Amino acid sequence: MSTDPDAQARSRFIVLSALRLSGAVMMVFGLVVTAGRLPDIPKLVGYALMAIGMIDFLIVPPLLAKKWRTPSEP
């Protein structure tokens, strides 16, 4: 990773945005599966995708942001 703080912040923003987008896509795909629009895929898979997508959308980005936060000066 580069030492430029702006480049580092930009790449971290992109990672957080990609995580949220992938979580939203997983949740929508899980809803489609549980609604029965894709009969070949079991509904249990749809519920699992919704749960994983929700975790990916709501929990992982704040955890990463907290880990990446710049430490405060004493």
C-alpha atoms as a PDB file:
ATOM      1  CA  MET A   1       0.000   0.000   0.000  1.00  0.00           C
ATOM      2  CA  SER A   2       1.281   3.471  -0.782  1.00  0.00           C
ATOM      3  CA  THR A   3       2.338   5.861   1.937  1.00  0.00           C
ATOM      4  CA  ASP A   4       0.283   8.738   0.467  1.00  0.00           C
ATOM      5  CA  PRO A   5      -2.567   9.364   2.953  1.00  0.00           C
ATOM      6  CA  ASP A   6      -4.952  10.519   0.211  1.00  0.00           C
ATOM      7  CA  ALA A   7      -4.383   7.391  -1.864  1.00  0.00           C
ATOM      8  CA  GLN A   8      -4.793   5.225   1.223  1.00  0.00           C
ATOM      9  CA  ALA A   9      -8.058   6.940   2.160  1.00  0.00           C
ATOM     10  CA  ARG A  10      -9.336   6.621  -1.408  1.00  0.00           C
ATOM     11  CA  SER A  11      -8.579   2.904  -1.553  1.00  0.00           C
ATOM     12  CA  ARG A  12     -10.195   2.304   1.834  1.00  0.00           C
ATOM     13  CA  PHE A  13     -13.296   4.200   0.712  1.00  0.00           C
ATOM     14  CA  ILE A  14     -13.491   2.041  -2.407  1.00  0.00           C
ATOM     15  CA  VAL A  15     -13.188  -1.148  -0.330  1.00  0.00           C
ATOM     16  CA  LEU A  16     -15.943  -0.031   2.072  1.00  0.00           C
ATOM     17  CA  SER A  17     -18.212   0.961  -0.818  1.00  0.00           C
ATOM     18  CA  ALA A  18     -17.609  -2.347  -2.600  1.00  0.00           C
ATOM     19  CA  LEU A  19     -18.457  -4.256   0.595  1.00  0.00           C
ATOM     20  CA  ARG A  20     -21.723  -2.387   0.993  1.00  0.00           C
ATOM     21  CA  LEU A  21     -22.623  -2.873  -2.668  1.00  0.00           C
ATOM     22  CA  SER A  22     -21.883  -6.598  -2.570  1.00  0.00           C
ATOM     23  CA  GLY A  23     -23.948  -6.928   0.616  1.00  0.00           C
ATOM     24  CA  ALA A  24     -26.895  -5.153  -0.993  1.00  0.00           C
ATOM     25  CA  VAL A  25     -26.659  -7.347  -4.097  1.00  0.00           C
ATOM     26  CA  MET A  26     -26.556 -10.489  -1.940  1.00  0.00           C
ATOM     27  CA  MET A  27     -29.615  -9.360   0.009  1.00  0.00           C
ATOM     28  CA  VAL A  28     -31.589  -8.681  -3.182  1.00  0.00           C
ATOM     29  CA  PHE A  29     -30.551 -12.017  -4.693  1.00  0.00           C
ATOM     30  CA  GLY A  30     -31.582 -13.740  -1.454  1.00  0.00           C
ATOM     31  CA  LEU A  31     -34.978 -12.036  -1.633  1.00  0.00           C
ATOM     32  CA  VAL A  32     -35.407 -13.192  -5.224  1.00  0.00           C
ATOM     33  CA  VAL A  33     -34.597 -16.776  -4.218  1.00  0.00           C
ATOM     34  CA  THR A  34     -36.919 -16.763  -1.190  1.00  0.00           C
ATOM     35  CA  ALA A  35     -39.737 -15.270  -3.287  1.00  0.00           C
ATOM     36  CA  GLY A  36     -39.578 -18.371  -5.478  1.00  0.00           C
ATOM     37  CA  ARG A  37     -38.488 -16.602  -8.659  1.00  0.00           C
ATOM     38  CA  LEU A  38     -35.632 -19.111  -9.062  1.00  0.00           C
ATOM     39  CA  PRO A  39     -37.257 -22.493  -8.350  1.00  0.00           C
ATOM     40  CA  ASP A  40     -34.030 -24.480  -8.828  1.00  0.00           C
ATOM     41  CA  ILE A  41     -32.415 -22.880  -5.767  1.00  0.00           C
ATOM     42  CA  PRO A  42     -33.720 -23.913  -2.310  1.00  0.00           C
ATOM     43  CA  LYS A  43     -35.257 -21.202  -0.133  1.00  0.00           C
ATOM     44  CA  LEU A  44     -32.748 -22.000   2.612  1.00  0.00           C
ATOM     45  CA  VAL A  45     -29.980 -20.736   0.328  1.00  0.00           C
ATOM     46  CA  GLY A  46     -31.950 -17.508  -0.125  1.00  0.00           C
ATOM     47  CA  TYR A  47     -32.246 -17.009   3.625  1.00  0.00           C
ATOM     48  CA  ALA A  48     -28.523 -17.663   4.049  1.00  0.00           C
ATOM     49  CA  LEU A  49     -27.690 -15.153   1.304  1.00  0.00           C
ATOM     50  CA  MET A  50     -29.903 -12.552   2.951  1.00  0.00           C
ATOM     51  CA  ALA A  51     -28.215 -13.095   6.321  1.00  0.00           C
ATOM     52  CA  ILE A  52     -24.694 -12.963   4.883  1.00  0.00           C
ATOM     53  CA  GLY A  53     -25.602  -9.904   2.810  1.00  0.00           C
ATOM     54  CA  MET A  54     -27.007  -8.144   5.854  1.00  0.00           C
ATOM     55  CA  ILE A  55     -23.827  -8.818   7.811  1.00  0.00           C
ATOM     56  CA  ASP A  56     -21.748  -7.685   4.849  1.00  0.00           C
ATOM     57  CA  PHE A  57     -23.812  -4.503   4.489  1.00  0.00           C
ATOM     58  CA  LEU A  58     -24.363  -3.500   8.111  1.00  0.00           C
ATOM     59  CA  ILE A  59     -21.595  -4.924  10.289  1.00  0.00           C
ATOM     60  CA  VAL A  60     -18.357  -5.383   8.328  1.00  0.00           C
ATOM     61  CA  PRO A  61     -17.839  -1.802   7.026  1.00  0.00           C
ATOM     62  CA  PRO A  62     -18.058  -0.147  10.477  1.00  0.00           C
ATOM     63  CA  LEU A  63     -15.694  -2.771  11.891  1.00  0.00           C
ATOM     64  CA  LEU A  64     -13.156  -2.105   9.147  1.00  0.00           C
ATOM     65  CA  ALA A  65     -13.542   1.659   9.539  1.00  0.00           C
ATOM     66  CA  LYS A  66     -12.925   1.329  13.269  1.00  0.00           C
ATOM     67  CA  LYS A  67      -9.828  -0.783  12.616  1.00  0.00           C
ATOM     68  CA  TRP A  68      -8.504   1.677  10.025  1.00  0.00           C
ATOM     69  CA  ARG A  69      -9.232   4.793  12.096  1.00  0.00           C
ATOM     70  CA  THR A  70      -6.225   7.028  12.657  1.00  0.00           C
ATOM     71  CA  PRO A  71      -5.136   6.927  16.302  1.00  0.00           C
ATOM     72  CA  SER A  72      -5.689  10.167  18.177  1.00  0.00           C
ATOM     73  CA  GLU A  73      -2.769  12.208  19.429  1.00  0.00           C
ATOM     74  CA  PRO A  74      -2.179  11.987  23.211  1.00  0.00           C
END
